[in-house]
Amino acid sequence: MDPNRQGRYDRIYQQLRALIEGRSPNGIAAMATMCAVLHAKMPHHSWTGFYFVVGDDELHVGPYQGPVACQVLKGRGVCLHAVKTHASIVVPDVHSFPGHISCDDRSRSELVVPIRGRGSDDIFAVLDVDSNRPSMFGEEDIAPLERITSLLEPFIEARR
C-alpha cells in the first residue's frame, strides 16, 4: 500500500468539504465533484463513480470518471452485493468474485461503499472504485472513503 494514502485521503476530504458544503446545488453536482477529485488525486483509480439503486435488483450509472461504464448492473456483481449486505466491500481480485460484472476487462481490483442518508439504513447509491492492478484496495481504505461519501448525506435527505 502507498504509505501516503491516508494523508491523501485526509487532504481530499478537506478539499471536497470546501467544494461541496454550502456550494454544491444538488447531490449530482456533489457526486460529480467527488468523482473528479478522487480520480485525479488517487493514482491507482482506473474508474471512480457512482451507481444509483433502482428497485431491489438493479443499479444505474451516475457521475463517474474513467472509461465508459456499464449503464445498468442487474442481478449480480460487487456493487449489488454491497447494497444487499449494507456493507462496504474490498475485492482484491475481481476475477475471483462470483458473479462479477466486467464493464472494463482491464479492471483487476475493486472497492464499493454504500451511500445512505443521515439516520437511514436505506442504500441510495454506491461509490464504486476500480483499479487496473490487483490488490490495490484494503480494509484501511474503507473508513476514509466512508467519511468522504458522508459529505453526500444532506443531499440524500433532501430527496426523500
Protein backbone atom coordinates (compact mmCIF):
# COMPACT_ATOMS: atom_id res chain seq x y z
CA MET A 1 0.00 0.00 0.00
CA ASP A 2 1.01 3.57 -0.60
CA PRO A 3 2.35 4.97 2.71
CA ASN A 4 0.97 8.42 1.78
CA ARG A 5 -2.56 7.20 1.08
CA GLN A 6 -4.09 8.06 4.48
CA GLY A 7 -2.72 11.61 4.36
CA ARG A 8 -4.01 11.93 0.81
CA TYR A 9 -7.48 10.84 1.97
CA ASP A 10 -7.41 13.49 4.71
CA ARG A 11 -6.47 16.22 2.23
CA ILE A 12 -9.12 15.04 -0.24
CA TYR A 13 -11.77 15.13 2.49
CA GLN A 14 -10.86 18.71 3.39
CA GLN A 15 -10.81 19.77 -0.27
CA LEU A 16 -14.17 18.13 -1.00
CA ARG A 17 -15.73 19.55 2.14
CA ALA A 18 -14.75 23.05 0.99
CA LEU A 19 -16.05 22.39 -2.52
CA ILE A 20 -19.34 20.68 -1.56
CA GLU A 21 -20.65 22.04 1.76
CA GLY A 22 -22.74 25.12 1.04
CA ARG A 23 -21.62 25.21 -2.58
CA SER A 24 -23.00 22.20 -4.44
CA PRO A 25 -26.50 22.93 -5.73
CA ASN A 26 -27.56 19.25 -5.55
CA GLY A 27 -26.38 15.70 -4.99
CA ILE A 28 -25.50 15.07 -8.63
CA ALA A 29 -23.15 18.07 -8.68
CA ALA A 30 -21.61 16.94 -5.39
CA MET A 31 -21.11 13.40 -6.71
CA ALA A 32 -19.54 14.66 -9.93
CA THR A 33 -17.13 16.84 -7.96
CA MET A 34 -16.30 13.95 -5.64
CA CYS A 35 -15.54 11.66 -8.59
CA ALA A 36 -13.34 14.24 -10.28
CA VAL A 37 -11.25 14.91 -7.18
CA LEU A 38 -10.88 11.26 -6.13
CA HIS A 39 -10.00 10.15 -9.64
CA ALA A 40 -7.43 12.90 -10.12
CA LYS A 41 -5.80 12.56 -6.68
CA MET A 42 -5.71 8.76 -6.31
CA PRO A 43 -3.34 7.46 -9.00
CA HIS A 44 -4.37 3.82 -8.55
CA HIS A 45 -8.01 4.54 -9.51
CA SER A 46 -8.80 3.47 -13.07
CA TRP A 47 -12.55 4.12 -12.63
CA THR A 48 -14.27 6.19 -9.94
CA GLY A 49 -18.02 6.63 -9.92
CA PHE A 50 -21.48 6.15 -8.53
CA TYR A 51 -24.31 3.75 -9.25
CA PHE A 52 -27.85 4.59 -8.13
CA VAL A 53 -30.04 1.88 -6.61
CA VAL A 54 -33.18 1.17 -8.67
CA GLY A 55 -35.51 -1.34 -7.04
CA ASP A 56 -34.19 -4.49 -5.37
CA ASP A 57 -32.02 -5.86 -8.13
CA GLU A 58 -30.70 -3.08 -10.35
CA LEU A 59 -28.24 -0.20 -10.38
CA HIS A 60 -27.92 2.67 -12.89
CA VAL A 61 -24.70 4.53 -13.56
CA GLY A 62 -24.33 8.04 -12.17
CA PRO A 63 -21.48 10.55 -12.29
CA TYR A 64 -18.10 8.93 -12.95
CA GLN A 65 -14.55 9.38 -14.22
CA GLY A 66 -12.72 6.81 -16.33
CA PRO A 67 -13.55 4.51 -19.24
CA VAL A 68 -17.12 4.02 -20.41
CA ALA A 69 -19.13 2.18 -17.76
CA CYS A 70 -21.93 -0.35 -17.76
CA GLN A 71 -25.07 1.77 -17.72
CA VAL A 72 -27.12 -0.88 -15.92
CA LEU A 73 -25.97 -3.52 -13.42
CA LYS A 74 -28.60 -6.16 -12.75
CA GLY A 75 -28.91 -9.24 -10.59
CA ARG A 76 -25.31 -9.75 -9.51
CA GLY A 77 -21.91 -8.13 -9.08
CA VAL A 78 -19.79 -6.44 -6.44
CA CYS A 79 -21.92 -3.26 -6.32
CA LEU A 80 -25.18 -5.13 -5.82
CA HIS A 81 -23.50 -7.30 -3.16
CA ALA A 82 -22.62 -4.14 -1.21
CA VAL A 83 -26.23 -2.94 -1.50
CA LYS A 84 -27.70 -6.25 -0.33
CA THR A 85 -25.28 -6.62 2.59
CA HIS A 86 -25.38 -2.90 3.52
CA ALA A 87 -21.60 -3.05 3.86
CA SER A 88 -18.52 -1.77 2.10
CA ILE A 89 -16.55 -4.44 0.28
CA VAL A 90 -12.97 -4.79 -0.91
CA VAL A 91 -12.27 -7.23 -3.73
CA PRO A 92 -8.52 -7.79 -4.29
CA ASP A 93 -9.13 -9.86 -7.45
CA VAL A 94 -12.40 -9.19 -9.29
CA HIS A 95 -11.97 -12.33 -11.38
CA SER A 96 -12.33 -14.46 -8.24
CA PHE A 97 -15.58 -12.74 -7.13
CA PRO A 98 -18.60 -14.91 -8.02
CA GLY A 99 -20.93 -13.02 -10.33
CA HIS A 100 -18.54 -10.14 -11.02
CA ILE A 101 -19.78 -7.93 -13.85
CA SER A 102 -16.91 -6.81 -16.08
CA CYS A 103 -17.55 -3.37 -17.54
CA ASP A 104 -13.84 -2.97 -18.35
CA ASP A 105 -11.67 -6.05 -18.88
CA ARG A 106 -8.66 -4.13 -17.54
CA SER A 107 -10.19 -3.89 -14.05
CA ARG A 108 -8.41 -6.12 -11.53
CA SER A 109 -9.48 -4.93 -8.06
CA GLU A 110 -12.47 -3.04 -6.69
CA LEU A 111 -13.85 -1.27 -3.64
CA VAL A 112 -17.54 -0.40 -3.16
CA VAL A 113 -19.01 1.86 -0.46
CA PRO A 114 -22.80 2.02 0.07
CA ILE A 115 -24.25 5.54 0.34
CA ARG A 116 -27.13 6.23 2.70
CA GLY A 117 -28.75 9.35 4.07
CA ARG A 118 -28.15 10.53 7.61
CA GLY A 119 -30.08 8.36 10.06
CA SER A 120 -31.27 5.99 7.32
CA ASP A 121 -30.33 2.40 6.62
CA ASP A 122 -31.70 2.59 3.05
CA ILE A 123 -28.97 2.43 0.42
CA PHE A 124 -29.40 5.21 -2.14
CA ALA A 125 -26.30 4.61 -4.25
CA VAL A 126 -22.80 3.16 -4.12
CA LEU A 127 -19.37 4.61 -4.71
CA ASP A 128 -17.54 2.14 -6.95
CA VAL A 129 -13.78 2.39 -7.39
CA ASP A 130 -11.77 0.13 -9.70
CA SER A 131 -8.06 -0.32 -10.30
CA ASN A 132 -6.36 -1.97 -13.23
CA ARG A 133 -3.92 -3.56 -10.77
CA PRO A 134 -4.75 -6.40 -8.34
CA SER A 135 -4.96 -5.84 -4.58
CA MET A 136 -4.92 -2.05 -4.77
CA PHE A 137 -7.51 -1.61 -2.02
CA GLY A 138 -7.58 -2.82 1.56
CA GLU A 139 -9.74 -2.55 4.63
CA GLU A 140 -7.85 0.64 5.53
CA ASP A 141 -9.42 2.36 2.51
CA ILE A 142 -12.99 1.85 3.72
CA ALA A 143 -13.20 4.30 6.64
CA PRO A 144 -11.67 7.26 4.74
CA LEU A 145 -13.96 6.70 1.75
CA GLU A 146 -17.00 6.34 4.02
CA ARG A 147 -16.00 9.65 5.63
CA ILE A 148 -15.65 11.29 2.22
CA THR A 149 -19.02 9.97 0.98
CA SER A 150 -20.68 11.16 4.20
CA LEU A 151 -20.48 14.64 2.62
CA LEU A 152 -23.40 13.49 0.42
CA GLU A 153 -25.81 12.79 3.32
CA PRO A 154 -27.54 16.21 3.32
CA PHE A 155 -28.34 15.88 -0.38
CA ILE A 156 -29.82 12.41 0.02
CA GLU A 157 -32.08 13.58 2.84
CA ALA A 158 -33.36 16.39 0.63
CA ARG A 159 -34.56 13.85 -1.95
CA ARG A 160 -36.68 11.83 0.50
